Amino acid sequence: MSKDIRIKKGLDLKLKGEAEKNLSVVSRSKVYAISPSDFHGMTPKMVVKEGAKVKAGEVIFYSKNDESVKFVSPVSGTIQEIIRGDKRVILQILIAADSQDVHVEHSKKNPKDLSSQEVKEHLLASGCWPFINQRPYDVIANSADSPKAIFVSGINSAPLASDLNFTLEGKKEFLKAGFEALAKLTSGKVHVTTRSNATFMPETDAIVLHKGEGVHPIGLVSTQIAKIDPINKGEKVWTVQMEDVAIIGELFLTGKINLQRTVALTGTGFDKPSYVNVIAGAQMADVVASNLKEGNYRIISGNVLTGDKKSKENGLGYYHNQVTVIPEGDDYDFFGWNLPRPNKFSIYRAGMFSFLTPNKKYDLNTNTNGEHRGFVLTGKYEKVFPLDIYPMELLKSILVKDIDQMEALGIYEVAPEDFALTEYVDVSKQDHQKIIRAGLDLMIKEVG
């Protein structure tokens, strides 16, 4: 049964630099990078060596933990280098791209005509399985499992996030096939939540469609799961990004895995914030080419709350559909804590005036405006955290590794991204997302 979701707890960061709805042209990267660190908890086992020729969609490594889960090359070319770190841990695989891609050809299939096992095998063989994540723990789903439900968020509510009505325009058939494939993987329902103005959704009986309204984090699947079908101990649900549903559907309809994404270039560091079509793993230097302003700016693969800091030599994150560039916060205000600052945003009213202009947009930098210290009880976490969980108590239980308390406080219901806003409003400058990730990893190790 469809549900309308509305939340009031949360926070919309109103930043300058929203992408204009037009496509800019960028050149094809000469080198593409695949980083195993994009797939948390996965230990890669290479199946190709340096110098090997690969096609787009050809397997380059698989997961040691689940050998049926394969990871494929986004482009055709030559394995240029396998970069390793301490203890020979694989950090990156660099692929020197051909001028044009030659794809691995898979058979075209209608998901409605296939069994659950046949759909699963097709996704595993093609390299599309890594798009499916599991809750609890926020890791790639175990291919041997069957979830009670699958959730897809059709709302991008993060700061300056891409507009799905624009990025998914013309992809209704791919989305429909993708939803039909996902419906085969669960005995439960495929829940999809969109805003009321969404125009990208196809008509299909494979899903249950919900409407969601409110501030960020209305777009996060944890918020939607909690409101629609909460996770209980021992249960598993799977999640997929809306853009990745289209990639899955395109695989079934065309027989090719196409890792090209429409990426939003956002933030005040761009001369012309816009959209570009690039392939996953493209070098940042090519993604942002000739569009960066002069000055000291930080490049972020993703949004400002959960994205990863990148250099121009790094590749676009595997799951990212946004690149944000904002000023580097390397300047400090003398007695800044004691002076009125009308041009800075804060949910705290001391010395700030942003509450008087709720629709004003800001050019914020990366400065944390303070240093790490012990937790300070302010009551602000709960103002931006819509889940029925005590956020500070959960964070503290993780720090002391109290597994029973972590379970009682809802560790199975959350992912690191759910704590991005509490981290932002924290006067203690604690790294909430890192703490939650450590807690989830501990639960994997101790509970499984």
Protein backbone atom coordinates (compact mmCIF):
# COMPACT_ATOMS: atom_id res chain seq x y z
CA MET A 1 0.00 0.00 0.00
CA SER A 2 1.34 3.40 -0.98
CA LYS A 3 2.32 5.81 1.78
CA ASP A 4 2.93 9.54 1.79
CA ILE A 5 6.07 10.47 3.73
CA ARG A 6 6.69 13.90 5.18
CA ILE A 7 9.47 14.86 7.56
CA LYS A 8 10.21 18.11 9.37
CA LYS A 9 13.39 17.08 11.16
CA GLY A 10 16.38 17.69 8.93
CA LEU A 11 18.16 20.54 7.23
CA ASP A 12 18.43 21.89 3.69
CA LEU A 13 21.84 23.50 3.16
CA LYS A 14 21.13 26.29 0.70
CA LEU A 15 24.36 26.70 -1.24
CA LYS A 16 25.24 28.73 -4.30
CA GLY A 17 26.36 26.91 -7.42
CA GLU A 18 23.37 24.84 -8.51
CA ALA A 19 23.89 23.14 -11.89
CA GLU A 20 22.09 24.73 -14.82
CA LYS A 21 19.99 22.27 -16.79
CA ASN A 22 22.17 21.97 -19.85
CA LEU A 23 24.83 19.51 -20.94
CA SER A 24 28.41 20.68 -21.30
CA VAL A 25 30.77 18.70 -23.49
CA VAL A 26 33.93 17.24 -21.94
CA SER A 27 36.61 15.17 -23.60
CA ARG A 28 36.96 11.45 -23.05
CA SER A 29 39.55 10.60 -20.40
CA LYS A 30 42.72 8.89 -21.53
CA VAL A 31 42.89 6.97 -18.25
CA TYR A 32 40.07 5.60 -16.08
CA ALA A 33 40.48 4.51 -12.46
CA ILE A 34 38.62 1.85 -10.52
CA SER A 35 39.13 2.04 -6.75
CA PRO A 36 38.22 -1.04 -4.66
CA SER A 37 37.73 1.35 -1.71
CA ASP A 38 34.49 2.48 -3.41
CA PHE A 39 33.08 -0.95 -2.50
CA HIS A 40 33.36 -1.01 1.28
CA GLY A 41 34.23 -4.33 2.87
CA MET A 42 35.13 -5.97 -0.43
CA THR A 43 38.55 -7.61 -0.89
CA PRO A 44 39.43 -7.73 -4.61
CA LYS A 45 41.00 -10.66 -6.44
CA MET A 46 42.42 -9.64 -9.82
CA VAL A 47 41.69 -11.74 -12.91
CA VAL A 48 43.76 -9.62 -15.32
CA LYS A 49 47.35 -8.41 -15.22
CA GLU A 50 49.06 -5.19 -16.21
CA GLY A 51 49.24 -4.88 -19.98
CA ALA A 52 46.11 -6.97 -20.59
CA LYS A 53 43.56 -5.77 -23.15
CA VAL A 54 40.00 -5.52 -21.85
CA LYS A 55 36.61 -4.67 -23.30
CA ALA A 56 34.06 -2.40 -21.65
CA GLY A 57 32.12 -4.66 -19.31
CA GLU A 58 34.87 -7.29 -19.04
CA VAL A 59 35.62 -8.64 -15.56
CA ILE A 60 38.82 -7.25 -14.03
CA PHE A 61 38.43 -8.49 -10.45
CA TYR A 62 35.96 -10.26 -8.19
CA SER A 63 35.20 -10.25 -4.46
CA LYS A 64 37.11 -12.73 -2.33
CA ASN A 65 34.20 -12.69 0.14
CA ASP A 66 31.62 -13.57 -2.52
CA GLU A 67 33.33 -14.87 -5.64
CA SER A 68 30.20 -14.62 -7.79
CA VAL A 69 30.25 -10.80 -7.43
CA LYS A 70 32.28 -9.43 -10.33
CA PHE A 71 33.57 -5.95 -11.11
CA VAL A 72 34.02 -4.86 -14.70
CA SER A 73 35.98 -2.34 -16.71
CA PRO A 74 34.00 0.82 -17.51
CA VAL A 75 35.83 1.22 -20.85
CA SER A 76 37.77 -0.82 -23.35
CA GLY A 77 41.54 -0.39 -23.27
CA THR A 78 44.70 -1.66 -21.61
CA ILE A 79 45.35 -2.28 -17.92
CA GLN A 80 47.99 0.41 -17.47
CA GLU A 81 48.84 -0.05 -13.79
CA ILE A 82 47.68 -1.80 -10.64
CA ILE A 83 48.56 0.54 -7.78
CA ARG A 84 49.16 -1.18 -4.45
CA GLY A 85 49.66 0.13 -0.93
CA ASP A 86 50.84 -1.42 2.33
CA LYS A 87 50.71 -5.22 2.42
CA ARG A 88 50.05 -5.14 -1.35
CA VAL A 89 46.50 -3.88 -0.86
CA ILE A 90 45.09 -2.83 -4.23
CA LEU A 91 44.36 0.89 -4.19
CA GLN A 92 43.53 1.57 -7.83
CA ILE A 93 43.39 -0.09 -11.23
CA LEU A 94 44.25 2.34 -14.02
CA ILE A 95 42.93 1.61 -17.52
CA ALA A 96 44.36 3.37 -20.57
CA ALA A 97 41.23 3.84 -22.66
CA ASP A 98 40.81 3.20 -26.36
CA SER A 99 39.43 6.01 -28.48
CA GLN A 100 36.12 4.12 -28.75
CA ASP A 101 34.64 1.43 -26.57
CA VAL A 102 34.13 -2.16 -27.60
CA HIS A 103 31.58 -3.75 -25.26
CA VAL A 104 31.17 -7.27 -23.98
CA GLU A 105 27.93 -8.48 -25.54
CA HIS A 106 25.37 -10.10 -23.25
CA SER A 107 22.10 -11.58 -24.41
CA LYS A 108 19.05 -9.33 -24.38
CA LYS A 109 16.44 -10.52 -21.91
CA ASN A 110 12.96 -9.58 -20.77
CA PRO A 111 13.02 -9.68 -16.95
CA LYS A 112 9.35 -10.69 -16.84
CA ASP A 113 10.17 -13.93 -18.69
CA LEU A 114 12.97 -14.91 -16.29
CA SER A 115 13.04 -16.64 -12.95
CA SER A 116 14.56 -15.04 -9.87
CA GLN A 117 17.69 -17.16 -10.25
CA GLU A 118 18.08 -16.26 -13.94
CA VAL A 119 17.84 -12.53 -13.19
CA LYS A 120 20.37 -12.90 -10.41
CA GLU A 121 22.81 -14.81 -12.63
CA HIS A 122 22.50 -12.20 -15.37
CA LEU A 123 23.25 -9.36 -12.95
CA LEU A 124 26.22 -11.23 -11.48
CA ALA A 125 27.73 -12.19 -14.84
CA SER A 126 27.41 -8.68 -16.27
CA GLY A 127 28.94 -6.82 -13.33
CA CYS A 128 25.72 -5.03 -12.34
CA TRP A 129 25.46 -6.72 -8.94
CA PRO A 130 27.63 -4.10 -7.12
CA PHE A 131 24.77 -1.61 -7.64
CA ILE A 132 22.75 -3.55 -5.07
CA ASN A 133 23.52 -2.68 -1.46
CA GLN A 134 22.34 -4.38 1.69
CA ARG A 135 20.91 -3.07 4.92
CA PRO A 136 21.98 -3.64 7.63
CA TYR A 137 25.67 -2.69 7.27
CA ASP A 138 25.47 -0.70 3.99
CA VAL A 139 27.66 -3.09 1.97
CA ILE A 140 27.23 -4.88 -1.37
CA ALA A 141 24.43 -7.43 -1.04
CA ASN A 142 25.30 -11.08 -0.57
CA SER A 143 24.27 -12.90 -3.74
CA ALA A 144 23.05 -15.90 -1.71
CA ASP A 145 20.49 -13.84 0.22
CA SER A 146 16.92 -12.88 -0.54
CA PRO A 147 15.69 -9.58 0.96
CA LYS A 148 12.32 -8.90 2.53
CA ALA A 149 12.04 -5.78 0.34
CA ILE A 150 14.01 -3.54 -2.03
CA PHE A 151 14.08 0.25 -1.69
CA VAL A 152 14.89 2.80 -4.38
CA SER A 153 15.00 6.51 -3.61
CA GLY A 154 13.75 8.79 -6.36
CA ILE A 155 14.58 11.91 -4.38
CA ASN A 156 17.94 13.68 -4.41
CA SER A 157 17.75 15.98 -1.39
CA ALA A 158 21.46 16.46 -0.63
CA PRO A 159 22.99 19.94 -1.13
CA LEU A 160 23.07 20.93 -4.81
CA ALA A 161 22.13 17.37 -5.82
CA SER A 162 21.38 16.54 -9.44
CA ASP A 163 17.82 16.89 -10.74
CA LEU A 164 16.53 13.41 -11.56
CA ASN A 165 13.92 14.84 -13.92
CA PHE A 166 16.85 16.08 -16.03
CA THR A 167 19.40 13.28 -15.62
CA LEU A 168 16.85 10.50 -16.25
CA GLU A 169 15.01 12.17 -19.11
CA GLY A 170 14.33 9.65 -21.87
CA LYS A 171 15.16 6.62 -19.70
CA LYS A 172 11.67 5.44 -18.73
CA GLU A 173 12.00 2.16 -20.65
CA PHE A 174 15.33 1.40 -18.97
CA LEU A 175 13.84 2.21 -15.55
CA LYS A 176 10.82 0.01 -16.21
CA ALA A 177 13.01 -2.96 -17.16
CA GLY A 178 15.24 -2.30 -14.16
CA PHE A 179 12.30 -2.31 -11.74
CA GLU A 180 10.93 -5.52 -13.30
CA ALA A 181 14.33 -7.16 -12.78
CA LEU A 182 14.56 -6.02 -9.15
CA ALA A 183 11.02 -7.30 -8.47
CA LYS A 184 12.24 -10.80 -9.31
CA LEU A 185 14.86 -10.66 -6.56
CA THR A 186 12.51 -10.38 -3.59
CA SER A 187 9.40 -12.10 -2.34
CA GLY A 188 8.41 -8.75 -0.92
CA LYS A 189 7.90 -5.41 -2.61
CA VAL A 190 10.04 -2.91 -4.47
CA HIS A 191 9.39 0.43 -2.74
CA VAL A 192 10.11 3.61 -4.72
CA THR A 193 9.76 7.10 -3.21
CA THR A 194 9.62 10.25 -5.34
CA ARG A 195 8.53 13.84 -4.93
CA SER A 196 5.15 14.83 -6.32
CA ASN A 197 6.76 16.68 -9.26
CA ALA A 198 8.75 13.68 -10.54
CA THR A 199 8.35 13.18 -14.30
CA PHE A 200 10.91 10.41 -14.91
CA MET A 201 8.92 7.48 -13.49
CA PRO A 202 7.52 4.86 -15.88
CA GLU A 203 4.18 3.17 -15.45
CA THR A 204 4.78 -0.30 -14.02
CA ASP A 205 3.11 -2.68 -11.63
CA ALA A 206 6.50 -3.98 -10.47
CA ILE A 207 6.78 -1.35 -7.73
CA VAL A 208 4.91 0.34 -4.91
CA LEU A 209 5.20 4.09 -5.42
CA HIS A 210 5.32 6.46 -2.45
CA LYS A 211 5.43 10.25 -2.32
CA GLY A 212 7.94 11.98 -0.08
CA GLU A 213 8.16 15.62 0.94
CA GLY A 214 10.32 17.56 3.35
CA VAL A 215 13.88 18.62 3.97
CA HIS A 216 17.06 16.58 3.66
CA PRO A 217 17.42 13.65 4.53
CA ILE A 218 14.06 12.82 2.92
CA GLY A 219 16.07 11.47 -0.03
CA LEU A 220 18.07 8.93 2.00
CA VAL A 221 16.79 5.36 1.91
CA SER A 222 17.18 4.95 5.68
CA THR A 223 14.54 7.65 6.18
CA GLN A 224 12.22 5.95 3.70
CA ILE A 225 12.77 2.47 5.14
CA ALA A 226 12.00 3.73 8.65
CA LYS A 227 8.71 5.29 7.51
CA ILE A 228 7.56 2.47 5.19
CA ASP A 229 8.88 -0.90 6.40
CA PRO A 230 11.44 -0.69 9.23
CA ILE A 231 14.24 -3.24 9.57
CA ASN A 232 14.07 -5.63 12.50
CA LYS A 233 16.93 -7.74 13.81
CA GLY A 234 17.61 -10.64 11.46
CA GLU A 235 15.94 -9.00 8.45
CA LYS A 236 17.64 -7.70 5.32
CA VAL A 237 16.57 -5.19 2.73
CA TRP A 238 18.38 -4.16 -0.43
CA THR A 239 18.79 -0.67 -1.83
CA VAL A 240 19.62 0.62 -5.31
CA GLN A 241 20.21 4.17 -6.58
CA MET A 242 17.65 5.36 -9.12
CA GLU A 243 20.35 6.07 -11.72
CA ASP A 244 21.67 2.54 -11.29
CA VAL A 245 18.22 1.05 -11.85
CA ALA A 246 18.41 2.60 -15.33
CA ILE A 247 21.83 0.99 -15.92
CA ILE A 248 20.39 -2.40 -14.89
CA GLY A 249 17.41 -1.93 -17.22
CA GLU A 250 19.68 -0.92 -20.10
CA LEU A 251 21.63 -4.15 -19.63
CA PHE A 252 18.49 -6.25 -20.07
CA LEU A 253 17.23 -4.29 -23.09
CA THR A 254 20.52 -3.81 -24.97
CA GLY A 255 22.80 -6.56 -23.68
CA LYS A 256 25.48 -4.03 -22.67
CA ILE A 257 26.50 -2.56 -19.33
CA ASN A 258 26.82 1.18 -19.88
CA LEU A 259 28.55 2.96 -17.00
CA GLN A 260 28.11 6.44 -18.46
CA ARG A 261 26.47 8.86 -16.04
CA THR A 262 24.96 12.31 -16.29
CA VAL A 263 26.91 14.10 -13.57
CA ALA A 264 26.03 17.46 -12.02
CA LEU A 265 28.95 19.90 -11.70
CA THR A 266 28.01 22.04 -8.72
CA GLY A 267 29.46 24.62 -6.37
CA THR A 268 30.92 28.10 -6.63
CA GLY A 269 34.27 26.75 -7.82
CA PHE A 270 32.85 26.23 -11.32
CA ASP A 271 32.61 29.02 -13.86
CA LYS A 272 29.48 27.40 -15.29
CA PRO A 273 27.80 24.82 -13.05
CA SER A 274 26.13 22.40 -15.44
CA TYR A 275 25.79 18.71 -16.32
CA VAL A 276 28.19 16.45 -18.22
CA ASN A 277 28.01 12.90 -19.53
CA VAL A 278 31.02 10.94 -18.27
CA ILE A 279 31.88 7.31 -17.60
CA ALA A 280 32.48 6.07 -14.05
CA GLY A 281 36.16 6.35 -13.11
CA ALA A 282 36.89 9.28 -15.46
CA GLN A 283 39.77 11.48 -14.34
CA MET A 284 38.67 14.58 -12.47
CA ALA A 285 40.96 16.71 -14.62
CA ASP A 286 38.78 15.84 -17.62
CA VAL A 287 35.46 16.07 -15.78
CA VAL A 288 36.15 19.63 -14.57
CA ALA A 289 38.34 20.68 -17.53
CA SER A 290 38.33 24.41 -18.43
CA ASN A 291 35.45 25.03 -16.02
CA LEU A 292 37.30 25.62 -12.75
CA LYS A 293 37.81 29.09 -11.36
CA GLU A 294 41.24 30.32 -10.38
CA GLY A 295 41.99 29.96 -6.69
CA ASN A 296 42.25 27.42 -3.92
CA TYR A 297 39.26 25.09 -4.26
CA ARG A 298 38.47 21.58 -3.08
CA ILE A 299 37.18 19.02 -5.57
CA ILE A 300 34.64 16.63 -4.06
CA SER A 301 33.33 13.52 -5.78
CA GLY A 302 29.76 13.55 -4.48
CA ASN A 303 28.04 16.17 -2.33
CA VAL A 304 29.53 18.34 0.40
CA LEU A 305 28.12 16.19 3.22
CA THR A 306 29.16 12.68 2.17
CA GLY A 307 31.49 13.06 -0.82
CA ASP A 308 35.18 12.21 -1.12
CA LYS A 309 37.99 14.74 -1.50
CA LYS A 310 39.75 14.24 -4.83
CA SER A 311 42.71 15.58 -6.76
CA LYS A 312 42.59 16.17 -10.49
CA GLU A 313 44.49 12.91 -11.01
CA ASN A 314 41.85 10.85 -9.15
CA GLY A 315 38.84 9.22 -10.75
CA LEU A 316 35.14 9.93 -10.36
CA GLY A 317 33.62 7.74 -7.63
CA TYR A 318 31.89 4.61 -8.92
CA TYR A 319 28.50 5.52 -7.40
CA HIS A 320 28.73 9.31 -7.69
CA ASN A 321 26.45 11.41 -9.90
CA GLN A 322 27.72 14.76 -8.67
CA VAL A 323 31.00 16.67 -8.45
CA THR A 324 31.15 19.64 -6.08
CA VAL A 325 33.85 22.31 -5.98
CA ILE A 326 33.89 24.79 -3.10
CA PRO A 327 36.51 27.12 -1.61
CA GLU A 328 39.16 25.49 0.58
CA GLY A 329 38.74 26.69 4.16
CA ASP A 330 42.33 27.71 4.80
CA ASP A 331 41.58 31.14 6.25
CA TYR A 332 40.65 31.90 9.85
CA ASP A 333 38.77 34.81 11.37
CA PHE A 334 40.50 36.58 14.24
CA PHE A 335 38.11 36.32 17.18
CA GLY A 336 35.66 34.80 14.69
CA TRP A 337 33.80 33.03 17.46
CA ASN A 338 33.02 36.41 19.08
CA LEU A 339 32.09 38.50 16.03
CA PRO A 340 28.79 38.79 14.13
CA ARG A 341 29.08 36.94 10.79
CA PRO A 342 26.07 37.80 8.61
CA ASN A 343 27.41 36.01 5.53
CA LYS A 344 27.83 32.60 7.15
CA PHE A 345 25.20 29.97 7.78
CA SER A 346 24.57 28.23 11.08
CA ILE A 347 21.68 26.60 12.91
CA TYR A 348 23.03 28.27 16.06
CA ARG A 349 21.91 31.85 16.55
CA ALA A 350 24.90 33.09 18.55
CA GLY A 351 26.58 35.71 16.36
CA MET A 352 24.69 34.48 13.27
CA PHE A 353 21.77 35.99 11.38
CA SER A 354 21.01 33.23 8.87
CA PHE A 355 17.76 32.37 10.70
CA LEU A 356 16.42 35.78 9.60
CA THR A 357 16.87 34.93 5.90
CA PRO A 358 15.84 31.25 5.52
CA ASN A 359 15.91 31.33 1.70
CA LYS A 360 19.31 32.97 1.33
CA LYS A 361 21.99 30.94 -0.44
CA TYR A 362 25.56 30.84 0.84
CA ASP A 363 29.06 30.36 -0.55
CA LEU A 364 30.46 28.18 2.22
CA ASN A 365 33.99 26.79 2.40
CA THR A 366 35.49 23.65 3.96
CA ASN A 367 36.55 25.33 7.21
CA THR A 368 35.24 23.44 10.25
CA ASN A 369 35.39 26.63 12.35
CA GLY A 370 36.69 24.77 15.35
CA GLU A 371 38.70 21.77 16.45
CA HIS A 372 37.96 18.28 17.67
CA ARG A 373 36.81 18.08 21.31
CA GLY A 374 34.66 15.94 23.58
CA PHE A 375 30.94 15.59 22.90
CA VAL A 376 28.92 18.65 23.91
CA LEU A 377 25.24 18.13 24.72
CA THR A 378 23.33 20.72 22.66
CA GLY A 379 20.14 18.91 21.60
CA LYS A 380 20.78 19.88 17.98
CA TYR A 381 21.40 16.33 16.71
CA GLU A 382 17.74 15.46 17.20
CA LYS A 383 16.65 18.56 15.27
CA VAL A 384 18.22 17.26 12.05
CA PHE A 385 17.83 13.49 12.60
CA PRO A 386 14.38 12.13 11.64
CA LEU A 387 14.93 8.48 12.61
CA ASP A 388 13.50 7.16 15.87
CA ILE A 389 16.99 6.70 17.30
CA TYR A 390 19.06 8.52 19.91
CA PRO A 391 22.03 9.62 17.76
CA MET A 392 24.49 10.71 20.46
CA GLU A 393 23.85 7.61 22.56
CA LEU A 394 24.43 5.36 19.53
CA LEU A 395 27.68 7.15 18.68
CA LYS A 396 28.94 6.76 22.25
CA SER A 397 28.00 3.08 22.39
CA ILE A 398 30.08 2.50 19.24
CA LEU A 399 33.08 4.30 20.71
CA VAL A 400 33.06 1.98 23.73
CA LYS A 401 32.24 -1.07 21.53
CA ASP A 402 29.15 -2.03 23.51
CA ILE A 403 27.52 -4.40 21.01
CA ASP A 404 24.36 -5.04 23.05
CA GLN A 405 23.79 -1.32 23.44
CA MET A 406 24.50 -0.72 19.76
CA GLU A 407 21.82 -3.25 18.84
CA ALA A 408 19.33 -1.75 21.27
CA LEU A 409 19.97 1.76 19.92
CA GLY A 410 19.35 0.86 16.26
CA ILE A 411 22.72 0.18 14.61
CA TYR A 412 21.03 -2.15 12.08
CA GLU A 413 18.87 0.70 10.75
CA VAL A 414 21.55 3.22 9.82
CA ALA A 415 24.31 3.95 7.34
CA PRO A 416 27.14 6.50 7.65
CA GLU A 417 25.34 8.97 5.36
CA ASP A 418 22.48 9.22 7.87
CA PHE A 419 24.83 10.96 10.29
CA ALA A 420 26.18 13.56 7.84
CA LEU A 421 23.85 16.26 9.16
CA THR A 422 24.52 15.51 12.83
CA GLU A 423 28.21 15.74 11.97
CA TYR A 424 27.64 19.09 10.27
CA VAL A 425 25.84 20.64 13.26
CA ASP A 426 28.19 19.14 15.86
CA VAL A 427 30.09 21.83 17.76
CA SER A 428 32.44 19.06 18.95
CA LYS A 429 33.67 18.42 15.37
CA GLN A 430 33.37 14.66 15.82
CA ASP A 431 33.58 12.50 12.68
CA HIS A 432 30.15 10.87 12.99
CA GLN A 433 30.20 9.07 9.65
CA LYS A 434 33.55 7.47 10.42
CA ILE A 435 32.29 6.37 13.83
CA ILE A 436 29.15 4.79 12.36
CA ARG A 437 31.20 3.01 9.70
CA ALA A 438 33.47 1.59 12.42
CA GLY A 439 30.41 0.44 14.35
CA LEU A 440 28.91 -1.31 11.33
CA ASP A 441 32.23 -3.03 10.60
CA LEU A 442 32.40 -4.21 14.21
CA MET A 443 28.90 -5.70 13.92
CA ILE A 444 29.87 -7.51 10.70
CA LYS A 445 32.87 -9.00 12.48
CA GLU A 446 31.14 -9.93 15.72
CA VAL A 447 27.57 -10.71 14.61
CA GLY A 448 27.79 -11.34 10.88
